[in-house]
Amino acid sequence: MDPTSGRQTSFEDAFIRVSLEEEIVPRISREGDSAPFSDWSEKVSGKTLRPIIAFANVLRKYYPKHSLVTTQDYSINILGFPDALSVPLRPDELITNSAFIPVGRNSSGVVVDSVEFGCFRTAWDKYEFTIYIVRYLEGFFVNQHFILHEESKLPAQQLLRAVGAWYYQLHEEIWVFNQGFWNKDAQLYADVQKANWDDVILEDSKKKALQHDVYSFFDSEKLYKELGIPWKRGMLMYGPPGNGKTISLKAIMKTVQAKGYNPLYVKSFQSWRGEEGSMEEVFSKARILAPCVIILEDLDSLINDRNRSFFMNQLDGIAGNDGLLLIGTTNHMDRLDPGLSTRPSRFDRKYEFDNPTIEERRLYVKYWQNKLKDNEKVDFTEELAAEIANLTHRFSFAYMKECFVSALVLLLTSESKQPFSEIIKNQIKTIRKQLDDQDIVPEARSISFIAPSAAPPQPDMWAISRRRMAFAAASAGLTSNPIYTN
């Protein structure tokens, strides 16, 4: 595999969840082993207080004319940096942990090797480095880099700056916060790219007002400053599920990112560090990346009695929130604390996404009529369009979509010769009966993948690493070539 492939960059910091009871067994030295390798094996096989100090002294002994820079920053993934080329100096001494990563039904998967001990020769810019990567237990498992250079420390520090800067850039990804960690999510980015404002069925005036409130915020910094008010804003989308909040969020995320402003999507504040710690991390990140958008979907689930006060302090506190646009959604406006739902300067712009009006139902039916206009099996007349709009009173957009989808599936798979008009009206009757008899509310499909749990989840970096590597491997078309990760 091409070591410069940018697809490797998701492989950082993999496989830290290893049993803490695992013992390190002394290794028997082999003839021909390099001195640093032998000394490292000896040091970590016995008792040592700080392995970084022990191995730094070992390397200074064997590389007396080299400068030494060390780092265990999780964002430093030199092996996956696309502008550098790294090759193992002593493949026979390279110790790795292998893991199989399934990447999809159309692939046999890949095997990824995480480095436990390795010495690499790395070329970057006009410089060459000798880099040792070791992994050891220090409270939890850490990946430690020792970067040797024949001249001063400056080139190594410049390399770290370049690697770190590249890591914090988005490469067709979206920042997602979950379980106490920020992750660059390429799958969510791909999902968001499918969204389009044409797919958001709202009255034209409401759609334009929503778009204006979002986009004008980023163009109004000077105006806010002239008025002497903080350059921040909160918007709240509310209403029963299935009526366009999520697709509107996706359209907003897509368009603001295209304009150069990062959307930060928060799945949950619950984590190993506590909800307050997670909130501090989210707002700290947002202040660094400002101007940006913080997306808080299902706000009534994210904010509760335990964390509400701290959340409000983050909104109103001493720390500046200039350039922050908060967009929250809720299916249950009545569950929100009045301090969030009614107090000005927090979520002062509110948009109701109620069940569609007759005009919005007509727009939605017209949307489907345009999609199906080239389908010879569907006879979609203007009379049928008007009838569907009238028959779907009290339906959410989600229920209307279900009527069309189920009708089309039956049209294509059923042996019956019923026309499309009869099939879709039968589907409307079925869903109407559910509404009348059970008074149920359709559940909208959310961007969220994980609902908040009763107890804070522990950080599952193994799962995070597997997801990152699986997506990158699938995208790169990897097969059996060795993949090395820090």
Protein backbone atom coordinates (compact mmCIF):
# COMPACT_ATOMS: atom_id res chain seq x y z
CA MET A 1 0.00 0.00 0.00
CA ASP A 2 1.13 3.59 -0.71
CA PRO A 3 2.40 4.85 2.69
CA THR A 4 1.52 8.41 1.71
CA SER A 5 -2.16 7.61 1.26
CA GLY A 6 -4.27 10.15 3.10
CA ARG A 7 -6.78 7.40 3.92
CA GLN A 8 -4.55 6.19 6.72
CA THR A 9 -5.16 9.30 8.77
CA SER A 10 -8.12 7.83 10.62
CA PHE A 11 -5.94 5.13 12.19
CA GLU A 12 -4.59 7.14 15.11
CA ASP A 13 -4.70 6.07 18.70
CA ALA A 14 -6.15 2.61 18.05
CA PHE A 15 -6.81 -0.30 20.40
CA ILE A 16 -6.23 1.28 23.85
CA ARG A 17 -8.79 -0.90 25.58
CA VAL A 18 -6.50 -3.75 26.62
CA SER A 19 -6.89 -5.66 29.88
CA LEU A 20 -5.14 -3.84 32.71
CA GLU A 21 -4.37 -7.19 34.34
CA GLU A 22 -2.17 -8.24 31.42
CA GLU A 23 1.42 -8.88 32.52
CA ILE A 24 4.45 -7.90 30.48
CA VAL A 25 6.66 -10.95 30.09
CA PRO A 26 10.46 -10.47 29.90
CA ARG A 27 11.72 -11.05 26.40
CA ILE A 28 14.69 -13.24 25.67
CA SER A 29 17.28 -11.25 23.70
CA ARG A 30 18.22 -12.52 20.28
CA GLU A 31 21.57 -12.33 18.63
CA GLY A 32 21.67 -9.32 16.32
CA ASP A 33 19.06 -7.25 18.14
CA SER A 34 19.74 -3.52 18.08
CA ALA A 35 20.86 -1.97 21.35
CA PRO A 36 17.82 0.32 21.77
CA PHE A 37 15.47 -2.61 21.17
CA SER A 38 17.25 -4.80 23.71
CA ASP A 39 17.39 -2.03 26.30
CA TRP A 40 13.71 -1.17 25.83
CA SER A 41 12.71 -4.81 26.23
CA GLU A 42 14.74 -4.99 29.42
CA LYS A 43 13.34 -1.77 30.87
CA VAL A 44 9.65 -2.52 30.33
CA SER A 45 10.03 -6.12 31.43
CA GLY A 46 11.04 -4.96 34.89
CA LYS A 47 9.88 -2.28 37.30
CA THR A 48 10.18 1.29 36.03
CA LEU A 49 8.44 4.43 37.26
CA ARG A 50 8.45 6.47 34.04
CA PRO A 51 9.16 4.52 30.83
CA ILE A 52 9.49 7.76 28.85
CA ILE A 53 12.45 8.83 30.98
CA ALA A 54 14.06 5.40 30.86
CA PHE A 55 13.85 5.09 27.07
CA ALA A 56 14.80 8.73 26.45
CA ASN A 57 18.02 8.05 28.33
CA VAL A 58 18.55 4.87 26.31
CA LEU A 59 18.20 6.78 23.03
CA ARG A 60 20.46 9.61 24.17
CA LYS A 61 23.10 6.99 24.89
CA TYR A 62 22.92 5.42 21.42
CA TYR A 63 22.23 8.63 19.48
CA PRO A 64 24.51 11.14 21.25
CA LYS A 65 24.65 13.57 18.30
CA HIS A 66 20.88 13.66 17.71
CA SER A 67 18.26 15.98 19.14
CA LEU A 68 15.28 14.26 20.78
CA VAL A 69 11.64 15.35 20.82
CA THR A 70 9.01 13.21 22.55
CA THR A 71 5.22 13.29 22.35
CA GLN A 72 2.26 11.15 23.33
CA ASP A 73 -0.35 13.53 21.90
CA TYR A 74 -3.20 11.35 20.61
CA SER A 75 -3.67 13.64 17.61
CA ILE A 76 -0.11 13.05 16.38
CA ASN A 77 -0.33 10.24 13.82
CA ILE A 78 2.93 10.48 11.92
CA LEU A 79 2.51 7.10 10.21
CA GLY A 80 -0.76 8.27 8.70
CA PHE A 81 0.40 11.76 7.72
CA PRO A 82 0.05 11.96 3.91
CA ASP A 83 2.95 14.41 3.43
CA ALA A 84 5.49 12.11 5.12
CA LEU A 85 6.87 8.71 4.13
CA SER A 86 7.66 6.24 6.93
CA VAL A 87 9.21 2.77 6.58
CA PRO A 88 10.28 0.34 9.33
CA LEU A 89 14.06 0.37 9.86
CA ARG A 90 14.15 -3.09 11.43
CA PRO A 91 11.09 -5.07 10.30
CA ASP A 92 12.28 -8.07 12.32
CA GLU A 93 12.01 -5.99 15.51
CA LEU A 94 8.64 -4.49 14.70
CA ILE A 95 6.03 -5.65 17.23
CA THR A 96 2.40 -5.06 16.32
CA ASN A 97 -1.06 -6.02 17.48
CA SER A 98 -3.21 -7.21 14.61
CA ALA A 99 -6.97 -6.79 14.38
CA PHE A 100 -9.44 -7.74 11.69
CA ILE A 101 -11.71 -4.89 10.56
CA PRO A 102 -14.91 -5.80 8.66
CA VAL A 103 -15.62 -2.99 6.22
CA GLY A 104 -18.81 -4.04 4.46
CA ARG A 105 -20.68 -6.80 2.71
CA ASN A 106 -18.78 -6.26 -0.56
CA SER A 107 -15.33 -6.56 1.00
CA SER A 108 -13.45 -9.33 2.75
CA GLY A 109 -12.20 -6.82 5.34
CA VAL A 110 -8.70 -5.73 6.27
CA VAL A 111 -6.14 -6.52 8.94
CA VAL A 112 -4.71 -3.49 10.72
CA ASP A 113 -1.52 -3.60 12.77
CA SER A 114 -1.15 -1.22 15.73
CA VAL A 115 2.46 -0.61 16.71
CA GLU A 116 3.64 -1.82 20.12
CA PHE A 117 7.32 -1.25 19.37
CA GLY A 118 8.78 -0.01 16.14
CA CYS A 119 11.59 2.07 14.70
CA PHE A 120 10.79 3.99 11.52
CA ARG A 121 12.75 6.13 9.09
CA THR A 122 10.55 9.08 8.19
CA ALA A 123 11.10 11.58 5.39
CA TRP A 124 9.25 14.88 5.45
CA ASP A 125 9.92 18.09 3.58
CA LYS A 126 13.72 18.19 3.25
CA TYR A 127 14.35 16.38 6.55
CA GLU A 128 14.79 12.79 7.69
CA PHE A 129 14.03 11.47 11.14
CA THR A 130 14.45 8.28 13.13
CA ILE A 131 11.23 7.71 15.04
CA TYR A 132 10.64 5.13 17.75
CA ILE A 133 7.03 4.37 18.62
CA VAL A 134 6.37 2.43 21.81
CA ARG A 135 3.22 1.59 23.71
CA TYR A 136 3.04 1.00 27.44
CA LEU A 137 0.78 1.18 30.45
CA GLU A 138 0.78 4.42 32.42
CA GLY A 139 -2.61 4.65 34.09
CA PHE A 140 -3.95 3.60 30.70
CA PHE A 141 -2.13 2.59 27.55
CA VAL A 142 -0.32 5.42 25.77
CA ASN A 143 1.47 5.63 22.44
CA GLN A 144 4.80 7.40 22.89
CA HIS A 145 6.82 8.86 20.01
CA PHE A 146 10.56 9.54 20.25
CA ILE A 147 11.68 11.66 17.30
CA LEU A 148 15.43 11.80 16.61
CA HIS A 149 17.07 14.25 14.23
CA GLU A 150 20.73 14.79 13.45
CA GLU A 151 20.45 18.53 13.92
CA SER A 152 18.37 20.76 16.19
CA LYS A 153 14.89 20.05 17.57
CA LEU A 154 13.30 22.62 15.29
CA PRO A 155 12.60 20.31 12.28
CA ALA A 156 10.98 17.71 14.57
CA GLN A 157 8.82 20.39 16.17
CA GLN A 158 7.85 21.65 12.72
CA LEU A 159 6.90 18.09 11.75
CA LEU A 160 4.67 17.80 14.83
CA ARG A 161 3.06 21.13 14.00
CA ALA A 162 2.34 19.99 10.44
CA VAL A 163 0.92 16.62 11.57
CA GLY A 164 -1.22 18.23 14.27
CA ALA A 165 -2.53 20.91 11.92
CA TRP A 166 -3.45 18.28 9.33
CA TYR A 167 -5.23 16.18 11.95
CA TYR A 168 -7.41 19.08 13.07
CA GLN A 169 -8.43 19.91 9.53
CA LEU A 170 -11.59 18.31 8.19
CA HIS A 171 -11.25 16.12 5.10
CA GLU A 172 -14.83 15.47 4.02
CA GLU A 173 -15.75 14.94 7.68
CA ILE A 174 -17.85 16.56 10.41
CA TRP A 175 -16.83 17.02 14.03
CA VAL A 176 -19.03 14.82 16.26
CA PHE A 177 -18.90 14.77 20.07
CA ASN A 178 -19.85 11.53 21.83
CA GLN A 179 -18.75 9.63 24.96
CA GLY A 180 -16.50 12.52 25.98
CA PHE A 181 -14.45 12.61 22.75
CA TRP A 182 -14.41 14.52 19.50
CA ASN A 183 -14.38 12.34 16.40
CA LYS A 184 -14.20 13.32 12.73
CA ASP A 185 -17.15 11.49 11.20
CA ALA A 186 -16.87 10.83 7.46
CA GLN A 187 -20.10 8.82 7.33
CA LEU A 188 -22.16 11.67 8.75
CA TYR A 189 -20.53 14.01 6.23
CA ALA A 190 -21.55 11.66 3.41
CA ASP A 191 -25.13 11.51 4.74
CA VAL A 192 -25.33 15.29 5.05
CA GLN A 193 -24.18 15.77 1.44
CA LYS A 194 -27.37 14.05 0.28
CA ALA A 195 -29.50 16.80 1.84
CA ASN A 196 -30.82 19.67 -0.23
CA TRP A 197 -33.06 22.61 0.54
CA ASP A 198 -35.30 21.42 -2.29
CA ASP A 199 -36.06 18.38 -0.12
CA VAL A 200 -37.21 20.60 2.77
CA ILE A 201 -40.94 21.08 2.25
CA LEU A 202 -41.98 24.24 4.08
CA GLU A 203 -44.02 27.27 3.20
CA ASP A 204 -41.74 29.49 1.15
CA SER A 205 -41.77 32.36 3.65
CA LYS A 206 -40.84 30.08 6.55
CA LYS A 207 -38.02 28.41 4.61
CA LYS A 208 -36.57 31.75 3.52
CA ALA A 209 -36.75 33.13 7.07
CA LEU A 210 -34.94 30.06 8.42
CA GLN A 211 -32.22 30.30 5.78
CA HIS A 212 -31.83 34.05 6.37
CA ASP A 213 -31.46 33.65 10.13
CA VAL A 214 -28.70 31.08 9.67
CA TYR A 215 -26.70 32.66 6.87
CA SER A 216 -27.07 36.30 7.91
CA PHE A 217 -25.58 35.50 11.32
CA PHE A 218 -22.16 34.83 9.81
CA ASP A 219 -22.28 38.07 7.82
CA SER A 220 -23.32 40.22 10.78
CA GLU A 221 -20.24 40.34 13.02
CA LYS A 222 -19.63 44.03 12.30
CA LEU A 223 -23.27 44.90 12.98
CA TYR A 224 -23.24 43.08 16.33
CA LYS A 225 -20.04 44.89 17.33
CA GLU A 226 -21.48 48.28 16.34
CA LEU A 227 -24.54 47.60 18.48
CA GLY A 228 -22.33 46.53 21.39
CA ILE A 229 -23.96 43.11 21.76
CA PRO A 230 -22.32 39.66 21.82
CA TRP A 231 -22.05 38.04 18.39
CA LYS A 232 -23.95 34.87 19.26
CA ARG A 233 -27.38 33.47 18.59
CA GLY A 234 -29.61 30.55 19.46
CA MET A 235 -32.28 28.96 17.28
CA LEU A 236 -34.81 26.33 18.31
CA MET A 237 -36.76 24.04 15.99
CA TYR A 238 -39.69 22.36 17.69
CA GLY A 239 -42.73 20.30 16.87
CA PRO A 240 -43.89 16.68 16.55
CA PRO A 241 -41.45 14.25 14.96
CA GLY A 242 -41.42 13.59 11.27
CA ASN A 243 -41.98 17.14 10.05
CA GLY A 244 -38.63 18.25 8.68
CA LYS A 245 -36.41 19.26 11.59
CA THR A 246 -33.72 16.69 10.82
CA ILE A 247 -33.63 17.25 7.06
CA SER A 248 -33.47 21.01 7.73
CA LEU A 249 -30.53 20.45 10.08
CA LYS A 250 -28.75 18.41 7.44
CA ALA A 251 -29.31 21.10 4.82
CA ILE A 252 -27.97 23.73 7.23
CA MET A 253 -24.91 21.62 8.08
CA LYS A 254 -24.16 21.04 4.41
CA THR A 255 -24.47 24.66 3.35
CA VAL A 256 -22.66 26.31 6.27
CA GLN A 257 -19.74 23.91 5.86
CA ALA A 258 -19.61 24.76 2.16
CA LYS A 259 -19.32 28.41 3.21
CA GLY A 260 -16.34 27.59 5.44
CA TYR A 261 -18.02 27.37 8.86
CA ASN A 262 -17.77 24.13 10.83
CA PRO A 263 -20.89 22.38 12.14
CA LEU A 264 -20.21 20.66 15.49
CA TYR A 265 -22.69 17.86 16.14
CA VAL A 266 -23.31 16.79 19.75
CA LYS A 267 -24.70 13.28 20.22
CA SER A 268 -24.57 13.16 24.00
CA PHE A 269 -23.05 14.99 26.96
CA GLN A 270 -22.92 11.81 29.04
CA SER A 271 -19.41 10.41 29.34
CA TRP A 272 -16.70 9.14 31.66
CA ARG A 273 -15.79 12.76 32.51
CA GLY A 274 -19.30 13.78 33.56
CA GLU A 275 -21.80 15.92 31.72
CA GLU A 276 -20.25 19.16 32.98
CA GLY A 277 -16.83 18.13 31.69
CA SER A 278 -18.34 17.22 28.33
CA MET A 279 -20.12 20.57 28.06
CA GLU A 280 -16.91 22.41 28.85
CA GLU A 281 -15.12 20.41 26.14
CA VAL A 282 -17.84 21.14 23.56
CA PHE A 283 -17.91 24.88 24.18
CA SER A 284 -14.11 25.10 24.38
CA LYS A 285 -13.84 23.44 20.97
CA ALA A 286 -16.53 25.71 19.55
CA ARG A 287 -14.77 28.83 20.82
CA ILE A 288 -11.56 27.72 19.12
CA LEU A 289 -13.32 27.05 15.80
CA ALA A 290 -15.67 30.06 15.93
CA PRO A 291 -17.48 31.22 13.93
CA CYS A 292 -19.24 27.86 13.81
CA VAL A 293 -22.54 26.08 14.47
CA ILE A 294 -23.26 23.83 17.46
CA ILE A 295 -25.99 21.30 16.64
CA LEU A 296 -27.97 20.05 19.66
CA GLU A 297 -30.58 17.60 18.37
CA ASP A 298 -33.24 16.43 20.85
CA LEU A 299 -32.35 19.20 23.28
CA ASP A 300 -34.85 17.95 25.86
CA SER A 301 -32.82 14.71 26.13
CA LEU A 302 -29.42 16.41 26.23
CA ILE A 303 -30.33 18.92 28.97
CA ASN A 304 -31.69 17.62 32.27
CA ASP A 305 -32.03 18.64 35.92
CA ARG A 306 -28.45 17.56 36.68
CA ASN A 307 -26.67 19.55 33.99
CA ARG A 308 -29.05 22.44 33.20
CA SER A 309 -27.34 24.98 35.44
CA PHE A 310 -23.89 24.27 34.03
CA PHE A 311 -25.22 24.41 30.47
CA MET A 312 -26.77 27.83 31.09
CA ASN A 313 -23.48 29.03 32.57
CA GLN A 314 -21.75 27.99 29.35
CA LEU A 315 -24.32 29.97 27.37
CA ASP A 316 -24.26 33.08 29.56
CA GLY A 317 -21.00 32.87 31.51
CA ILE A 318 -17.82 34.91 31.55
CA ALA A 319 -16.21 33.01 28.68
CA GLY A 320 -16.92 34.74 25.38
CA ASN A 321 -19.14 32.97 22.87
CA ASP A 322 -18.55 35.29 19.94
CA GLY A 323 -19.29 33.61 16.62
CA LEU A 324 -21.33 30.75 18.10
CA LEU A 325 -24.65 29.85 16.49
CA LEU A 326 -26.53 27.24 18.55
CA ILE A 327 -29.28 25.29 16.82
CA GLY A 328 -31.37 23.01 18.99
CA THR A 329 -34.31 20.77 18.18
CA THR A 330 -36.99 19.18 20.32
CA ASN A 331 -40.08 17.07 19.77
CA HIS A 332 -41.38 18.09 23.21
CA MET A 333 -41.32 21.84 23.77
CA ASP A 334 -43.22 21.37 27.05
CA ARG A 335 -40.32 19.37 28.51
CA LEU A 336 -37.81 22.18 28.09
CA ASP A 337 -37.00 24.36 31.07
CA PRO A 338 -38.49 27.86 30.64
CA GLY A 339 -34.97 29.20 31.12
CA LEU A 340 -34.14 27.66 27.74
CA SER A 341 -37.41 27.91 25.86
CA THR A 342 -38.53 31.44 26.80
CA ARG A 343 -35.59 33.46 28.09
CA PRO A 344 -34.16 35.89 25.50
CA SER A 345 -30.50 35.61 24.39
CA ARG A 346 -30.44 31.82 24.67
CA PHE A 347 -32.77 30.42 22.00
CA ASP A 348 -34.40 33.62 20.85
CA ARG A 349 -35.43 32.45 17.36
CA LYS A 350 -37.99 29.66 17.31
CA TYR A 351 -39.38 27.73 14.37
CA GLU A 352 -42.36 25.42 14.73
CA PHE A 353 -42.38 22.30 12.56
CA ASP A 354 -45.98 21.25 13.05
CA ASN A 355 -47.92 18.75 10.98
CA PRO A 356 -48.10 20.23 7.48
CA THR A 357 -50.84 22.61 6.45
CA ILE A 358 -52.91 21.92 3.36
CA GLU A 359 -50.56 24.14 1.35
CA GLU A 360 -47.48 22.28 2.63
CA ARG A 361 -49.14 18.95 1.88
CA ARG A 362 -49.75 20.13 -1.67
CA LEU A 363 -46.09 21.11 -1.96
CA TYR A 364 -45.02 17.71 -0.66
CA VAL A 365 -47.30 15.84 -3.06
CA LYS A 366 -45.96 18.01 -5.89
CA TYR A 367 -42.44 17.08 -4.80
CA TRP A 368 -43.27 13.38 -5.25
CA GLN A 369 -45.12 14.06 -8.46
CA ASN A 370 -41.96 15.59 -9.93
CA LYS A 371 -39.84 12.67 -8.71
CA LEU A 372 -42.12 10.14 -10.40
CA LYS A 373 -42.91 12.02 -13.60
CA ASP A 374 -40.65 9.79 -15.73
CA ASN A 375 -41.93 6.52 -14.23
CA GLU A 376 -44.20 4.87 -16.78
CA LYS A 377 -45.81 2.65 -14.14
CA VAL A 378 -47.10 5.63 -12.14
CA ASP A 379 -50.07 7.58 -13.44
CA PHE A 380 -49.86 10.66 -11.21
CA THR A 381 -52.52 13.12 -12.36
CA GLU A 382 -53.23 16.58 -10.95
CA GLU A 383 -56.58 15.28 -9.69
CA LEU A 384 -54.84 12.49 -7.76
CA ALA A 385 -52.34 15.00 -6.32
CA ALA A 386 -55.13 17.20 -5.00
CA GLU A 387 -56.97 14.18 -3.57
CA ILE A 388 -53.85 12.93 -1.71
CA ALA A 389 -53.27 16.38 -0.20
CA ASN A 390 -56.84 16.47 1.11
CA LEU A 391 -56.85 12.87 2.40
CA THR A 392 -53.65 13.30 4.46
CA HIS A 393 -55.00 15.84 6.97
CA ARG A 394 -53.18 15.49 10.36
CA PHE A 395 -50.42 13.42 8.70
CA SER A 396 -46.83 14.35 9.40
CA PHE A 397 -44.38 14.51 6.52
CA ALA A 398 -42.98 11.20 7.79
CA TYR A 399 -46.40 9.53 7.45
CA MET A 400 -46.91 11.04 4.01
CA LYS A 401 -43.53 9.72 2.94
CA GLU A 402 -44.49 6.28 4.25
CA CYS A 403 -47.64 6.37 2.11
CA PHE A 404 -45.63 7.03 -1.04
CA VAL A 405 -42.82 4.58 -0.27
CA SER A 406 -45.10 1.68 0.68
CA ALA A 407 -47.35 2.34 -2.32
CA LEU A 408 -44.41 2.29 -4.71
CA VAL A 409 -43.05 -0.92 -3.19
CA LEU A 410 -46.44 -2.61 -3.58
CA LEU A 411 -46.76 -1.31 -7.12
CA LEU A 412 -43.43 -2.86 -8.10
CA THR A 413 -43.68 -6.14 -6.17
CA SER A 414 -47.36 -7.04 -6.00
CA GLU A 415 -48.93 -9.39 -8.53
CA SER A 416 -52.07 -7.30 -8.34
CA LYS A 417 -52.82 -5.06 -11.31
CA GLN A 418 -54.15 -2.23 -9.14
CA PRO A 419 -53.22 1.24 -10.40
CA PHE A 420 -51.01 3.53 -8.34
CA SER A 421 -53.98 5.73 -7.41
CA GLU A 422 -55.82 2.88 -5.67
CA ILE A 423 -52.71 1.56 -3.94
CA ILE A 424 -51.71 4.88 -2.41
CA LYS A 425 -55.25 5.66 -1.26
CA ASN A 426 -55.36 2.25 0.46
CA GLN A 427 -52.08 3.09 2.22
CA ILE A 428 -53.53 6.41 3.35
CA LYS A 429 -56.56 4.57 4.79
CA THR A 430 -54.28 2.18 6.69
CA ILE A 431 -52.30 4.98 8.30
CA ARG A 432 -55.47 7.00 8.95
CA LYS A 433 -56.84 4.05 10.93
CA GLN A 434 -53.69 4.02 13.05
CA LEU A 435 -54.09 7.72 13.76
CA ASP A 436 -57.79 7.47 14.58
CA ASP A 437 -57.71 4.25 16.62
CA GLN A 438 -54.43 4.59 18.45
CA ASP A 439 -53.62 8.31 18.20
CA ILE A 440 -49.95 7.46 17.74
CA VAL A 441 -47.24 9.80 16.61
CA PRO A 442 -44.71 8.74 13.96
CA GLU A 443 -41.13 8.60 15.01
CA ALA A 444 -38.83 10.67 12.82
CA ARG A 445 -35.52 9.25 11.80
CA SER A 446 -32.82 11.20 13.61
CA ILE A 447 -29.19 11.88 12.80
CA SER A 448 -28.47 10.61 16.31
CA PHE A 449 -27.15 7.07 16.58
CA ILE A 450 -27.09 6.69 20.38
CA ALA A 451 -29.83 7.74 22.79
CA PRO A 452 -28.65 9.07 26.17
CA SER A 453 -28.39 6.28 28.70
CA ALA A 454 -29.17 6.38 32.38
CA ALA A 455 -25.53 6.01 33.40
CA PRO A 456 -22.57 7.80 31.80
CA PRO A 457 -20.91 5.44 29.29
CA GLN A 458 -17.23 4.69 29.56
CA PRO A 459 -14.99 5.79 26.69
CA ASP A 460 -14.90 3.04 24.09
CA MET A 461 -11.86 4.03 22.06
CA TRP A 462 -11.64 0.51 20.65
CA ALA A 463 -15.03 0.93 19.00
CA ILE A 464 -14.21 4.45 17.86
CA SER A 465 -10.95 3.27 16.31
CA ARG A 466 -12.67 0.36 14.58
CA ARG A 467 -15.27 2.69 13.05
CA ARG A 468 -12.60 5.13 11.88
CA MET A 469 -10.40 2.45 10.37
CA ALA A 470 -13.28 0.55 8.80
CA PHE A 471 -14.56 3.61 6.96
CA ALA A 472 -11.10 4.69 5.81
CA ALA A 473 -10.18 1.19 4.71
CA ALA A 474 -13.41 0.76 2.79
CA SER A 475 -12.97 4.11 1.09
CA ALA A 476 -9.38 3.36 0.13
CA GLY A 477 -10.18 -0.11 -1.19
CA LEU A 478 -7.63 -1.78 1.08
CA THR A 479 -7.09 -5.52 0.98
CA SER A 480 -4.12 -7.42 2.32
CA ASN A 481 -1.32 -4.84 2.42
CA PRO A 482 0.11 -4.11 5.89
CA ILE A 483 -1.42 -1.05 7.54
CA TYR A 484 0.54 0.43 10.42
CA THR A 485 -1.12 2.69 12.95
CA ASN A 486 0.39 4.50 15.94
